[in-house]
């Protein structure tokens, strides 16, 4: 079940956006919840760790993610995404192209993502 929560790693506060194995309708609801959390934070302050491992994507999710990622740009200092493989990597690259975001990185493991974000604080 998708969730949005803060965690602390190496003393650094990280927003963990977990929609591992989420279905498209769950992901759309997660996006709406995450928007509220992210956009209530100070500009350029959010370190975000996003887990999309096994998540279901369709055209509605892709469209919602494009708007979500573009709209969050003022608040995100850096984001790490885990679980991007196969078709999701094509979607991820298209979202980066559409939004022009340069502060999003792909990570192979959740631990790698946590460590990377902690180093960005």
PDB file of N, CA and C in Angstrom:
ATOM      1  N   UNK A   1       0.845  -1.183   0.000  1.00  0.00           N
ATOM      2  CA  UNK A   1       0.000   0.000   0.000  1.00  0.00           C
ATOM      3  C   UNK A   1       0.888   1.243   0.000  1.00  0.00           C
ATOM      4  N   UNK A   2       0.689   2.139  -0.918  1.00  0.00           N
ATOM      5  CA  UNK A   2       1.499   3.358  -0.975  1.00  0.00           C
ATOM      6  C   UNK A   2       1.429   4.167   0.323  1.00  0.00           C
ATOM      7  N   UNK A   3       2.536   4.812   0.640  1.00  0.00           N
ATOM      8  CA  UNK A   3       2.587   5.653   1.834  1.00  0.00           C
ATOM      9  C   UNK A   3       3.574   6.791   1.623  1.00  0.00           C
ATOM     10  N   UNK A   4       3.373   7.845   2.399  1.00  0.00           N
ATOM     11  CA  UNK A   4       4.254   9.004   2.377  1.00  0.00           C
ATOM     12  C   UNK A   4       4.571   9.325   3.832  1.00  0.00           C
ATOM     13  N   UNK A   5       5.866   9.309   4.189  1.00  0.00           N
ATOM     14  CA  UNK A   5       6.247   9.586   5.575  1.00  0.00           C
ATOM     15  C   UNK A   5       7.690  10.090   5.614  1.00  0.00           C
ATOM     16  N   UNK A   6       8.040  10.726   6.712  1.00  0.00           N
ATOM     17  CA  UNK A   6       9.417  11.172   6.908  1.00  0.00           C
ATOM     18  C   UNK A   6      10.180  10.122   7.690  1.00  0.00           C
ATOM     19  N   UNK A   7      11.448   9.943   7.361  1.00  0.00           N
ATOM     20  CA  UNK A   7      12.347   9.069   8.108  1.00  0.00           C
ATOM     21  C   UNK A   7      13.634   9.837   8.345  1.00  0.00           C
ATOM     22  N   UNK A   8      14.428   9.346   9.247  1.00  0.00           N
ATOM     23  CA  UNK A   8      15.731   9.955   9.509  1.00  0.00           C
ATOM     24  C   UNK A   8      16.800   8.923   9.203  1.00  0.00           C
ATOM     25  N   UNK A   9      17.792   9.335   8.408  1.00  0.00           N
ATOM     26  CA  UNK A   9      18.910   8.460   8.052  1.00  0.00           C
ATOM     27  C   UNK A   9      20.194   9.256   8.239  1.00  0.00           C
ATOM     28  N   UNK A  10      21.069   8.751   9.090  1.00  0.00           N
ATOM     29  CA  UNK A  10      22.338   9.432   9.396  1.00  0.00           C
ATOM     30  C   UNK A  10      22.088  10.872   9.851  1.00  0.00           C
ATOM     31  N   UNK A  11      21.007  11.046  10.604  1.00  0.00           N
ATOM     32  CA  UNK A  11      20.677  12.356  11.147  1.00  0.00           C
ATOM     33  C   UNK A  11      20.012  13.310  10.169  1.00  0.00           C
ATOM     34  N   UNK A  12      19.675  12.832   8.971  1.00  0.00           N
ATOM     35  CA  UNK A  12      19.086  13.676   7.930  1.00  0.00           C
ATOM     36  C   UNK A  12      17.621  13.268   7.729  1.00  0.00           C
ATOM     37  N   UNK A  13      16.764  14.275   7.666  1.00  0.00           N
ATOM     38  CA  UNK A  13      15.329  14.048   7.454  1.00  0.00           C
ATOM     39  C   UNK A  13      15.069  13.844   5.962  1.00  0.00           C
ATOM     40  N   UNK A  14      14.428  12.705   5.642  1.00  0.00           N
ATOM     41  CA  UNK A  14      14.151  12.319   4.260  1.00  0.00           C
ATOM     42  C   UNK A  14      12.674  11.984   4.135  1.00  0.00           C
ATOM     43  N   UNK A  15      12.052  12.497   3.085  1.00  0.00           N
ATOM     44  CA  UNK A  15      10.670  12.138   2.792  1.00  0.00           C
ATOM     45  C   UNK A  15      10.687  10.837   2.003  1.00  0.00           C
ATOM     46  N   UNK A  16      10.067   9.799   2.568  1.00  0.00           N
ATOM     47  CA  UNK A  16      10.024   8.493   1.922  1.00  0.00           C
ATOM     48  C   UNK A  16       8.658   8.318   1.273  1.00  0.00           C
ATOM     49  N   UNK A  17       8.677   8.240  -0.041  1.00  0.00           N
ATOM     50  CA  UNK A  17       7.462   8.051  -0.821  1.00  0.00           C
ATOM     51  C   UNK A  17       7.484   6.619  -1.348  1.00  0.00           C
ATOM     52  N   UNK A  18       6.708   5.772  -0.698  1.00  0.00           N
ATOM     53  CA  UNK A  18       6.748   4.345  -0.986  1.00  0.00           C
ATOM     54  C   UNK A  18       5.479   3.915  -1.710  1.00  0.00           C
ATOM     55  N   UNK A  19       5.618   3.600  -2.991  1.00  0.00           N
ATOM     56  CA  UNK A  19       4.466   2.987  -3.634  1.00  0.00           C
ATOM     57  C   UNK A  19       4.843   1.678  -4.299  1.00  0.00           C
ATOM     58  N   UNK A  20       5.685   0.944  -3.567  1.00  0.00           N
ATOM     59  CA  UNK A  20       6.072  -0.398  -4.001  1.00  0.00           C
ATOM     60  C   UNK A  20       4.826  -1.257  -4.180  1.00  0.00           C
ATOM     61  N   UNK A  21       4.748  -1.918  -5.332  1.00  0.00           N
ATOM     62  CA  UNK A  21       3.640  -2.808  -5.681  1.00  0.00           C
ATOM     63  C   UNK A  21       2.280  -2.115  -5.717  1.00  0.00           C
ATOM     64  N   UNK A  22       2.267  -0.786  -5.765  1.00  0.00           N
ATOM     65  CA  UNK A  22       0.999  -0.055  -5.820  1.00  0.00           C
ATOM     66  C   UNK A  22       0.310  -0.219  -7.163  1.00  0.00           C
ATOM     67  N   UNK A  23      -1.012  -0.232  -7.106  1.00  0.00           N
ATOM     68  CA  UNK A  23      -1.820  -0.266  -8.320  1.00  0.00           C
ATOM     69  C   UNK A  23      -2.039   1.169  -8.799  1.00  0.00           C
ATOM     70  N   UNK A  24      -2.331   1.370 -10.087  1.00  0.00           N
ATOM     71  CA  UNK A  24      -2.488   2.728 -10.598  1.00  0.00           C
ATOM     72  C   UNK A  24      -3.423   3.625  -9.786  1.00  0.00           C
ATOM     73  N   UNK A  25      -4.581   3.125  -9.368  1.00  0.00           N
ATOM     74  CA  UNK A  25      -5.501   3.972  -8.600  1.00  0.00           C
ATOM     75  C   UNK A  25      -4.916   4.345  -7.241  1.00  0.00           C
ATOM     76  N   UNK A  26      -4.152   3.435  -6.634  1.00  0.00           N
ATOM     77  CA  UNK A  26      -3.486   3.749  -5.367  1.00  0.00           C
ATOM     78  C   UNK A  26      -2.406   4.809  -5.582  1.00  0.00           C
ATOM     79  N   UNK A  27      -1.694   4.707  -6.686  1.00  0.00           N
ATOM     80  CA  UNK A  27      -0.612   5.646  -6.976  1.00  0.00           C
ATOM     81  C   UNK A  27      -1.165   7.055  -7.203  1.00  0.00           C
ATOM     82  N   UNK A  28      -2.281   7.153  -7.905  1.00  0.00           N
ATOM     83  CA  UNK A  28      -2.905   8.463  -8.118  1.00  0.00           C
ATOM     84  C   UNK A  28      -3.270   9.078  -6.764  1.00  0.00           C
ATOM     85  N   UNK A  29      -3.841   8.299  -5.861  1.00  0.00           N
ATOM     86  CA  UNK A  29      -4.191   8.796  -4.514  1.00  0.00           C
ATOM     87  C   UNK A  29      -2.921   9.185  -3.755  1.00  0.00           C
ATOM     88  N   UNK A  30      -1.845   8.404  -3.898  1.00  0.00           N
ATOM     89  CA  UNK A  30      -0.570   8.704  -3.242  1.00  0.00           C
ATOM     90  C   UNK A  30      -0.020  10.034  -3.736  1.00  0.00           C
ATOM     91  N   UNK A  31      -0.116  10.259  -5.023  1.00  0.00           N
ATOM     92  CA  UNK A  31       0.390  11.507  -5.596  1.00  0.00           C
ATOM     93  C   UNK A  31      -0.322  12.700  -4.950  1.00  0.00           C
ATOM     94  N   UNK A  32      -1.617  12.607  -4.797  1.00  0.00           N
ATOM     95  CA  UNK A  32      -2.370  13.709  -4.187  1.00  0.00           C
ATOM     96  C   UNK A  32      -1.931  13.937  -2.740  1.00  0.00           C
ATOM     97  N   UNK A  33      -1.729  12.868  -1.996  1.00  0.00           N
ATOM     98  CA  UNK A  33      -1.273  12.997  -0.603  1.00  0.00           C
ATOM     99  C   UNK A  33       0.142  13.584  -0.552  1.00  0.00           C
ATOM    100  N   UNK A  34       1.016  13.090  -1.420  1.00  0.00           N
ATOM    101  CA  UNK A  34       2.401  13.555  -1.434  1.00  0.00           C
ATOM    102  C   UNK A  34       2.488  15.028  -1.826  1.00  0.00           C
ATOM    103  N   UNK A  35       1.631  15.479  -2.738  1.00  0.00           N
ATOM    104  CA  UNK A  35       1.606  16.895  -3.137  1.00  0.00           C
ATOM    105  C   UNK A  35       1.422  17.786  -1.916  1.00  0.00           C
ATOM    106  N   UNK A  36       0.458  17.433  -1.085  1.00  0.00           N
ATOM    107  CA  UNK A  36       0.150  18.241   0.100  1.00  0.00           C
ATOM    108  C   UNK A  36       1.357  18.302   1.024  1.00  0.00           C
ATOM    109  N   UNK A  37       1.988  17.154   1.261  1.00  0.00           N
ATOM    110  CA  UNK A  37       3.148  17.106   2.161  1.00  0.00           C
ATOM    111  C   UNK A  37       4.311  17.911   1.586  1.00  0.00           C
ATOM    112  N   UNK A  38       4.669  17.649   0.356  1.00  0.00           N
ATOM    113  CA  UNK A  38       5.829  18.298  -0.259  1.00  0.00           C
ATOM    114  C   UNK A  38       5.633  19.801  -0.381  1.00  0.00           C
ATOM    115  N   UNK A  39       4.477  20.206  -0.831  1.00  0.00           N
ATOM    116  CA  UNK A  39       4.237  21.625  -1.099  1.00  0.00           C
ATOM    117  C   UNK A  39       3.954  22.443   0.163  1.00  0.00           C
ATOM    118  N   UNK A  40       3.961  21.766   1.320  1.00  0.00           N
ATOM    119  CA  UNK A  40       3.847  22.487   2.592  1.00  0.00           C
ATOM    120  C   UNK A  40       5.224  22.755   3.204  1.00  0.00           C
ATOM    121  N   UNK A  41       6.278  22.275   2.547  1.00  0.00           N
ATOM    122  CA  UNK A  41       7.644  22.422   3.052  1.00  0.00           C
ATOM    123  C   UNK A  41       8.295  23.681   2.467  1.00  0.00           C
ATOM    124  N   UNK A  42       9.345  24.185   3.118  1.00  0.00           N
ATOM    125  CA  UNK A  42      10.064  25.337   2.560  1.00  0.00           C
ATOM    126  C   UNK A  42      10.680  24.987   1.198  1.00  0.00           C
ATOM    127  N   UNK A  43      10.856  26.003   0.355  1.00  0.00           N
ATOM    128  CA  UNK A  43      11.446  25.781  -0.962  1.00  0.00           C
ATOM    129  C   UNK A  43      12.858  25.208  -0.852  1.00  0.00           C
ATOM    130  N   UNK A  44      13.172  24.308  -1.781  1.00  0.00           N
ATOM    131  CA  UNK A  44      14.479  23.647  -1.893  1.00  0.00           C
ATOM    132  C   UNK A  44      14.924  22.966  -0.596  1.00  0.00           C
ATOM    133  N   UNK A  45      13.960  22.409   0.151  1.00  0.00           N
ATOM    134  CA  UNK A  45      14.306  21.796   1.434  1.00  0.00           C
ATOM    135  C   UNK A  45      14.096  20.288   1.476  1.00  0.00           C
ATOM    136  N   UNK A  46      13.325  19.745   0.554  1.00  0.00           N
ATOM    137  CA  UNK A  46      12.926  18.337   0.643  1.00  0.00           C
ATOM    138  C   UNK A  46      13.945  17.422  -0.031  1.00  0.00           C
ATOM    139  N   UNK A  47      14.399  16.449   0.744  1.00  0.00           N
ATOM    140  CA  UNK A  47      15.188  15.336   0.212  1.00  0.00           C
ATOM    141  C   UNK A  47      14.205  14.177   0.122  1.00  0.00           C
ATOM    142  N   UNK A  48      13.931  13.699  -1.089  1.00  0.00           N
ATOM    143  CA  UNK A  48      12.884  12.706  -1.292  1.00  0.00           C
ATOM    144  C   UNK A  48      13.452  11.384  -1.796  1.00  0.00           C
ATOM    145  N   UNK A  49      13.014  10.310  -1.167  1.00  0.00           N
ATOM    146  CA  UNK A  49      13.376   8.955  -1.578  1.00  0.00           C
ATOM    147  C   UNK A  49      12.099   8.283  -2.058  1.00  0.00           C
ATOM    148  N   UNK A  50      12.077   7.867  -3.327  1.00  0.00           N
ATOM    149  CA  UNK A  50      10.869   7.330  -3.938  1.00  0.00           C
ATOM    150  C   UNK A  50      11.110   5.870  -4.334  1.00  0.00           C
ATOM    151  N   UNK A  51      10.247   4.986  -3.851  1.00  0.00           N
ATOM    152  CA  UNK A  51      10.337   3.559  -4.145  1.00  0.00           C
ATOM    153  C   UNK A  51       9.198   3.180  -5.093  1.00  0.00           C
ATOM    154  N   UNK A  52       9.536   2.828  -6.336  1.00  0.00           N
ATOM    155  CA  UNK A  52       8.532   2.428  -7.317  1.00  0.00           C
ATOM    156  C   UNK A  52       8.655   0.949  -7.690  1.00  0.00           C
ATOM    157  N   UNK A  53       9.358   0.199  -6.893  1.00  0.00           N
ATOM    158  CA  UNK A  53       9.585  -1.222  -7.190  1.00  0.00           C
ATOM    159  C   UNK A  53       8.247  -1.957  -7.297  1.00  0.00           C
ATOM    160  N   UNK A  54       8.015  -2.569  -8.437  1.00  0.00           N
ATOM    161  CA  UNK A  54       6.811  -3.369  -8.647  1.00  0.00           C
ATOM    162  C   UNK A  54       5.531  -2.564  -8.795  1.00  0.00           C
ATOM    163  N   UNK A  55       5.623  -1.254  -8.865  1.00  0.00           N
ATOM    164  CA  UNK A  55       4.425  -0.422  -8.976  1.00  0.00           C
ATOM    165  C   UNK A  55       3.833  -0.516 -10.380  1.00  0.00           C
ATOM    166  N   UNK A  56       2.506  -0.456 -10.457  1.00  0.00           N
ATOM    167  CA  UNK A  56       1.814  -0.513 -11.729  1.00  0.00           C
ATOM    168  C   UNK A  56       1.652   0.868 -12.327  1.00  0.00           C
ATOM    169  N   UNK A  57       2.099   1.034 -13.557  1.00  0.00           N
ATOM    170  CA  UNK A  57       2.008   2.316 -14.250  1.00  0.00           C
ATOM    171  C   UNK A  57       1.094   2.164 -15.455  1.00  0.00           C
ATOM    172  N   UNK A  58       0.300   3.190 -15.714  1.00  0.00           N
ATOM    173  CA  UNK A  58      -0.467   3.279 -16.945  1.00  0.00           C
ATOM    174  C   UNK A  58      -0.402   4.731 -17.414  1.00  0.00           C
ATOM    175  N   UNK A  59      -1.140   5.068 -18.451  1.00  0.00           N
ATOM    176  CA  UNK A  59      -1.075   6.423 -19.004  1.00  0.00           C
ATOM    177  C   UNK A  59      -1.543   7.474 -17.997  1.00  0.00           C
ATOM    178  N   UNK A  60      -2.541   7.149 -17.176  1.00  0.00           N
ATOM    179  CA  UNK A  60      -3.026   8.125 -16.197  1.00  0.00           C
ATOM    180  C   UNK A  60      -1.978   8.387 -15.121  1.00  0.00           C
ATOM    181  N   UNK A  61      -1.260   7.367 -14.705  1.00  0.00           N
ATOM    182  CA  UNK A  61      -0.192   7.533 -13.718  1.00  0.00           C
ATOM    183  C   UNK A  61       0.950   8.343 -14.320  1.00  0.00           C
ATOM    184  N   UNK A  62       1.313   8.040 -15.552  1.00  0.00           N
ATOM    185  CA  UNK A  62       2.396   8.773 -16.205  1.00  0.00           C
ATOM    186  C   UNK A  62       2.060  10.257 -16.315  1.00  0.00           C
ATOM    187  N   UNK A  63       0.844  10.573 -16.730  1.00  0.00           N
ATOM    188  CA  UNK A  63       0.421  11.976 -16.841  1.00  0.00           C
ATOM    189  C   UNK A  63       0.428  12.653 -15.473  1.00  0.00           C
ATOM    190  N   UNK A  64      -0.087  11.959 -14.446  1.00  0.00           N
ATOM    191  CA  UNK A  64      -0.122  12.527 -13.099  1.00  0.00           C
ATOM    192  C   UNK A  64       1.294  12.741 -12.562  1.00  0.00           C
ATOM    193  N   UNK A  65       2.203  11.814 -12.852  1.00  0.00           N
ATOM    194  CA  UNK A  65       3.583  11.955 -12.391  1.00  0.00           C
ATOM    195  C   UNK A  65       4.283  13.137 -13.059  1.00  0.00           C
ATOM    196  N   UNK A  66       4.021  13.360 -14.332  1.00  0.00           N
ATOM    197  CA  UNK A  66       4.631  14.499 -15.022  1.00  0.00           C
ATOM    198  C   UNK A  66       4.238  15.801 -14.336  1.00  0.00           C
ATOM    199  N   UNK A  67       2.960  15.969 -14.055  1.00  0.00           N
ATOM    200  CA  UNK A  67       2.479  17.186 -13.392  1.00  0.00           C
ATOM    201  C   UNK A  67       3.036  17.281 -11.972  1.00  0.00           C
ATOM    202  N   UNK A  68       3.049  16.151 -11.278  1.00  0.00           N
ATOM    203  CA  UNK A  68       3.535  16.076  -9.905  1.00  0.00           C
ATOM    204  C   UNK A  68       5.005  16.482  -9.810  1.00  0.00           C
ATOM    205  N   UNK A  69       5.843  15.893 -10.656  1.00  0.00           N
ATOM    206  CA  UNK A  69       7.281  16.160 -10.628  1.00  0.00           C
ATOM    207  C   UNK A  69       7.556  17.616 -11.012  1.00  0.00           C
ATOM    208  N   UNK A  70       6.879  18.115 -12.020  1.00  0.00           N
ATOM    209  CA  UNK A  70       7.079  19.506 -12.431  1.00  0.00           C
ATOM    210  C   UNK A  70       6.628  20.473 -11.334  1.00  0.00           C
ATOM    211  N   UNK A  71       5.486  20.223 -10.731  1.00  0.00           N
ATOM    212  CA  UNK A  71       4.958  21.092  -9.686  1.00  0.00           C
ATOM    213  C   UNK A  71       5.752  21.075  -8.398  1.00  0.00           C
ATOM    214  N   UNK A  72       6.462  19.992  -8.139  1.00  0.00           N
ATOM    215  CA  UNK A  72       7.246  19.868  -6.909  1.00  0.00           C
ATOM    216  C   UNK A  72       8.627  20.512  -7.010  1.00  0.00           C
ATOM    217  N   UNK A  73       9.043  20.853  -8.194  1.00  0.00           N
ATOM    218  CA  UNK A  73      10.401  21.354  -8.425  1.00  0.00           C
ATOM    219  C   UNK A  73      10.838  22.449  -7.438  1.00  0.00           C
ATOM    220  N   UNK A  74       9.992  23.418  -7.102  1.00  0.00           N
ATOM    221  CA  UNK A  74      10.460  24.463  -6.174  1.00  0.00           C
ATOM    222  C   UNK A  74      10.794  23.952  -4.763  1.00  0.00           C
ATOM    223  N   UNK A  75      10.240  22.821  -4.373  1.00  0.00           N
ATOM    224  CA  UNK A  75      10.376  22.330  -2.997  1.00  0.00           C
ATOM    225  C   UNK A  75      11.449  21.254  -2.827  1.00  0.00           C
ATOM    226  N   UNK A  76      11.811  20.605  -3.905  1.00  0.00           N
ATOM    227  CA  UNK A  76      12.734  19.465  -3.845  1.00  0.00           C
ATOM    228  C   UNK A  76      14.180  19.938  -3.970  1.00  0.00           C
ATOM    229  N   UNK A  77      14.968  19.602  -2.959  1.00  0.00           N
ATOM    230  CA  UNK A  77      16.406  19.855  -3.039  1.00  0.00           C
ATOM    231  C   UNK A  77      17.046  18.774  -3.899  1.00  0.00           C
ATOM    232  N   UNK A  78      16.660  17.525  -3.639  1.00  0.00           N
ATOM    233  CA  UNK A  78      17.180  16.394  -4.394  1.00  0.00           C
ATOM    234  C   UNK A  78      16.250  15.203  -4.164  1.00  0.00           C
ATOM    235  N   UNK A  79      16.138  14.345  -5.167  1.00  0.00           N
ATOM    236  CA  UNK A  79      15.322  13.144  -5.045  1.00  0.00           C
ATOM    237  C   UNK A  79      16.075  11.947  -5.603  1.00  0.00           C
ATOM    238  N   UNK A  80      15.900  10.820  -4.946  1.00  0.00           N
ATOM    239  CA  UNK A  80      16.465   9.551  -5.396  1.00  0.00           C
ATOM    240  C   UNK A  80      15.308   8.585  -5.629  1.00  0.00           C
ATOM    241  N   UNK A  81      15.342   7.887  -6.751  1.00  0.00           N
ATOM    242  CA  UNK A  81      14.275   6.975  -7.109  1.00  0.00           C
ATOM    243  C   UNK A  81      14.848   5.568  -7.211  1.00  0.00           C
ATOM    244  N   UNK A  82      14.153   4.625  -6.573  1.00  0.00           N
ATOM    245  CA  UNK A  82      14.566   3.218  -6.552  1.00  0.00           C
ATOM    246  C   UNK A  82      13.461   2.363  -7.180  1.00  0.00           C
ATOM    247  N   UNK A  83      13.859   1.334  -7.907  1.00  0.00           N
ATOM    248  CA  UNK A  83      12.898   0.391  -8.467  1.00  0.00           C
ATOM    249  C   UNK A  83      12.517   0.676  -9.901  1.00  0.00           C
ATOM    250  N   UNK A  84      13.291   1.511 -10.567  1.00  0.00           N
ATOM    251  CA  UNK A  84      13.004   1.863 -11.958  1.00  0.00           C
ATOM    252  C   UNK A  84      13.736   0.866 -12.856  1.00  0.00           C
ATOM    253  N   UNK A  85      12.935   0.082 -13.574  1.00  0.00           N
ATOM    254  CA  UNK A  85      13.520  -0.893 -14.482  1.00  0.00           C
ATOM    255  C   UNK A  85      12.553  -1.151 -15.624  1.00  0.00           C
ATOM    256  N   UNK A  86      13.071  -1.607 -16.730  1.00  0.00           N
ATOM    257  CA  UNK A  86      12.229  -1.912 -17.881  1.00  0.00           C
ATOM    258  C   UNK A  86      11.492  -0.693 -18.403  1.00  0.00           C
ATOM    259  N   UNK A  87      10.188  -0.845 -18.637  1.00  0.00           N
ATOM    260  CA  UNK A  87       9.363   0.230 -19.169  1.00  0.00           C
ATOM    261  C   UNK A  87       9.343   1.434 -18.234  1.00  0.00           C
ATOM    262  N   UNK A  88       9.432   1.210 -16.927  1.00  0.00           N
ATOM    263  CA  UNK A  88       9.439   2.328 -15.978  1.00  0.00           C
ATOM    264  C   UNK A  88      10.628   3.255 -16.224  1.00  0.00           C
ATOM    265  N   UNK A  89      11.750   2.706 -16.693  1.00  0.00           N
ATOM    266  CA  UNK A  89      12.907   3.556 -16.978  1.00  0.00           C
ATOM    267  C   UNK A  89      12.607   4.477 -18.168  1.00  0.00           C
ATOM    268  N   UNK A  90      11.894   3.979 -19.161  1.00  0.00           N
ATOM    269  CA  UNK A  90      11.497   4.803 -20.306  1.00  0.00           C
ATOM    270  C   UNK A  90      10.573   5.921 -19.819  1.00  0.00           C
ATOM    271  N   UNK A  91       9.606   5.580 -18.963  1.00  0.00           N
ATOM    272  CA  UNK A  91       8.687   6.576 -18.405  1.00  0.00           C
ATOM    273  C   UNK A  91       9.462   7.598 -17.594  1.00  0.00           C
ATOM    274  N   UNK A  92      10.378   7.129 -16.753  1.00  0.00           N
ATOM    275  CA  UNK A  92      11.191   8.028 -15.916  1.00  0.00           C
ATOM    276  C   UNK A  92      11.964   9.020 -16.781  1.00  0.00           C
ATOM    277  N   UNK A  93      12.610   8.524 -17.824  1.00  0.00           N
ATOM    278  CA  UNK A  93      13.396   9.394 -18.706  1.00  0.00           C
ATOM    279  C   UNK A  93      12.491  10.418 -19.414  1.00  0.00           C
ATOM    280  N   UNK A  94      11.288  10.001 -19.781  1.00  0.00           N
ATOM    281  CA  UNK A  94      10.376  10.947 -20.449  1.00  0.00           C
ATOM    282  C   UNK A  94       9.913  12.017 -19.465  1.00  0.00           C
ATOM    283  N   UNK A  95       9.713  11.658 -18.217  1.00  0.00           N
ATOM    284  CA  UNK A  95       9.327  12.642 -17.201  1.00  0.00           C
ATOM    285  C   UNK A  95      10.456  13.640 -16.979  1.00  0.00           C
ATOM    286  N   UNK A  96      11.692  13.157 -16.924  1.00  0.00           N
ATOM    287  CA  UNK A  96      12.833  14.068 -16.765  1.00  0.00           C
ATOM    288  C   UNK A  96      12.929  15.036 -17.950  1.00  0.00           C
ATOM    289  N   UNK A  97      12.730  14.522 -19.145  1.00  0.00           N
ATOM    290  CA  UNK A  97      12.775  15.373 -20.325  1.00  0.00           C
ATOM    291  C   UNK A  97      11.656  16.408 -20.285  1.00  0.00           C
ATOM    292  N   UNK A  98      10.447  15.976 -19.966  1.00  0.00           N
ATOM    293  CA  UNK A  98       9.290  16.867 -19.917  1.00  0.00           C
ATOM    294  C   UNK A  98       9.453  17.970 -18.878  1.00  0.00           C
ATOM    295  N   UNK A  99       9.954  17.603 -17.700  1.00  0.00           N
ATOM    296  CA  UNK A  99      10.033  18.564 -16.600  1.00  0.00           C
ATOM    297  C   UNK A  99      11.322  19.367 -16.581  1.00  0.00           C
ATOM    298  N   UNK A 100      12.365  18.853 -17.229  1.00  0.00           N
ATOM    299  CA  UNK A 100      13.653  19.535 -17.199  1.00  0.00           C
ATOM    300  C   UNK A 100      14.378  19.394 -15.869  1.00  0.00           C
ATOM    301  N   UNK A 101      13.909  18.510 -15.006  1.00  0.00           N
ATOM    302  CA  UNK A 101      14.507  18.346 -13.684  1.00  0.00           C
ATOM    303  C   UNK A 101      15.875  17.693 -13.790  1.00  0.00           C
ATOM    304  N   UNK A 102      16.841  18.238 -13.046  1.00  0.00           N
ATOM    305  CA  UNK A 102      18.203  17.710 -13.024  1.00  0.00           C
ATOM    306  C   UNK A 102      18.562  17.141 -11.653  1.00  0.00           C
ATOM    307  N   UNK A 103      17.680  17.321 -10.672  1.00  0.00           N
ATOM    308  CA  UNK A 103      17.989  16.909  -9.303  1.00  0.00           C
ATOM    309  C   UNK A 103      17.296  15.600  -8.927  1.00  0.00           C
ATOM    310  N   UNK A 104      17.092  14.729  -9.900  1.00  0.00           N
ATOM    311  CA  UNK A 104      16.544  13.399  -9.675  1.00  0.00           C
ATOM    312  C   UNK A 104      17.574  12.367 -10.115  1.00  0.00           C
ATOM    313  N   UNK A 105      17.845  11.395  -9.270  1.00  0.00           N
ATOM    314  CA  UNK A 105      18.806  10.351  -9.616  1.00  0.00           C
ATOM    315  C   UNK A 105      18.177   8.975  -9.424  1.00  0.00           C
ATOM    316  N   UNK A 106      18.638   8.026 -10.208  1.00  0.00           N
ATOM    317  CA  UNK A 106      18.224   6.638 -10.061  1.00  0.00           C
ATOM    318  C   UNK A 106      19.202   5.929  -9.143  1.00  0.00           C
ATOM    319  N   UNK A 107      18.682   5.098  -8.251  1.00  0.00           N
ATOM    320  CA  UNK A 107      19.526   4.305  -7.357  1.00  0.00           C
ATOM    321  C   UNK A 107      19.161   2.836  -7.500  1.00  0.00           C
ATOM    322  N   UNK A 108      20.138   1.980  -7.291  1.00  0.00           N
ATOM    323  CA  UNK A 108      19.916   0.542  -7.416  1.00  0.00           C
ATOM    324  C   UNK A 108      19.231  -0.061  -6.193  1.00  0.00           C
ATOM    325  N   UNK A 109      19.492   0.510  -5.004  1.00  0.00           N
ATOM    326  CA  UNK A 109      18.902  -0.016  -3.774  1.00  0.00           C
ATOM    327  C   UNK A 109      18.363   1.132  -2.918  1.00  0.00           C
ATOM    328  N   UNK A 110      17.475   0.797  -1.998  1.00  0.00           N
ATOM    329  CA  UNK A 110      16.968   1.806  -1.073  1.00  0.00           C
ATOM    330  C   UNK A 110      18.091   2.354  -0.204  1.00  0.00           C
ATOM    331  N   UNK A 111      18.993   1.487   0.225  1.00  0.00           N
ATOM    332  CA  UNK A 111      20.119   1.941   1.059  1.00  0.00           C
ATOM    333  C   UNK A 111      20.990   2.936   0.293  1.00  0.00           C
ATOM    334  N   UNK A 112      21.249   2.658  -0.969  1.00  0.00           N
ATOM    335  CA  UNK A 112      22.025   3.586  -1.797  1.00  0.00           C
ATOM    336  C   UNK A 112      21.316   4.938  -1.884  1.00  0.00           C
ATOM    337  N   UNK A 113      20.004   4.908  -2.048  1.00  0.00           N
ATOM    338  CA  UNK A 113      19.228   6.142  -2.108  1.00  0.00           C
ATOM    339  C   UNK A 113      19.282   6.922  -0.808  1.00  0.00           C
ATOM    340  N   UNK A 114      19.121   6.227   0.322  1.00  0.00           N
ATOM    341  CA  UNK A 114      19.200   6.891   1.640  1.00  0.00           C
ATOM    342  C   UNK A 114      20.571   7.507   1.845  1.00  0.00           C
ATOM    343  N   UNK A 115      21.617   6.745   1.532  1.00  0.00           N
ATOM    344  CA  UNK A 115      22.988   7.259   1.709  1.00  0.00           C
ATOM    345  C   UNK A 115      23.256   8.465   0.810  1.00  0.00           C
ATOM    346  N   UNK A 116      22.807   8.386  -0.447  1.00  0.00           N
ATOM    347  CA  UNK A 116      23.008   9.496  -1.367  1.00  0.00           C
ATOM    348  C   UNK A 116      22.323  10.757  -0.831  1.00  0.00           C
ATOM    349  N   UNK A 117      21.070  10.624  -0.425  1.00  0.00           N
ATOM    350  CA  UNK A 117      20.339  11.794   0.058  1.00  0.00           C
ATOM    351  C   UNK A 117      20.956  12.361   1.335  1.00  0.00           C
ATOM    352  N   UNK A 118      21.411  11.497   2.223  1.00  0.00           N
ATOM    353  CA  UNK A 118      22.059  11.974   3.455  1.00  0.00           C
ATOM    354  C   UNK A 118      23.305  12.779   3.113  1.00  0.00           C
ATOM    355  N   UNK A 119      23.989  12.416   2.037  1.00  0.00           N
ATOM    356  CA  UNK A 119      25.195  13.144   1.639  1.00  0.00           C
ATOM    357  C   UNK A 119      24.866  14.506   1.014  1.00  0.00           C
ATOM    358  N   UNK A 120      23.608  14.728   0.643  1.00  0.00           N
ATOM    359  CA  UNK A 120      23.193  15.978   0.006  1.00  0.00           C
ATOM    360  C   UNK A 120      22.738  17.035   1.016  1.00  0.00           C
ATOM    361  N   UNK A 121      22.629  16.648   2.280  1.00  0.00           N
ATOM    362  CA  UNK A 121      22.108  17.577   3.312  1.00  0.00           C
ATOM    363  C   UNK A 121      23.075  18.730   3.558  1.00  0.00           C
TER     364      UNK A 121
END
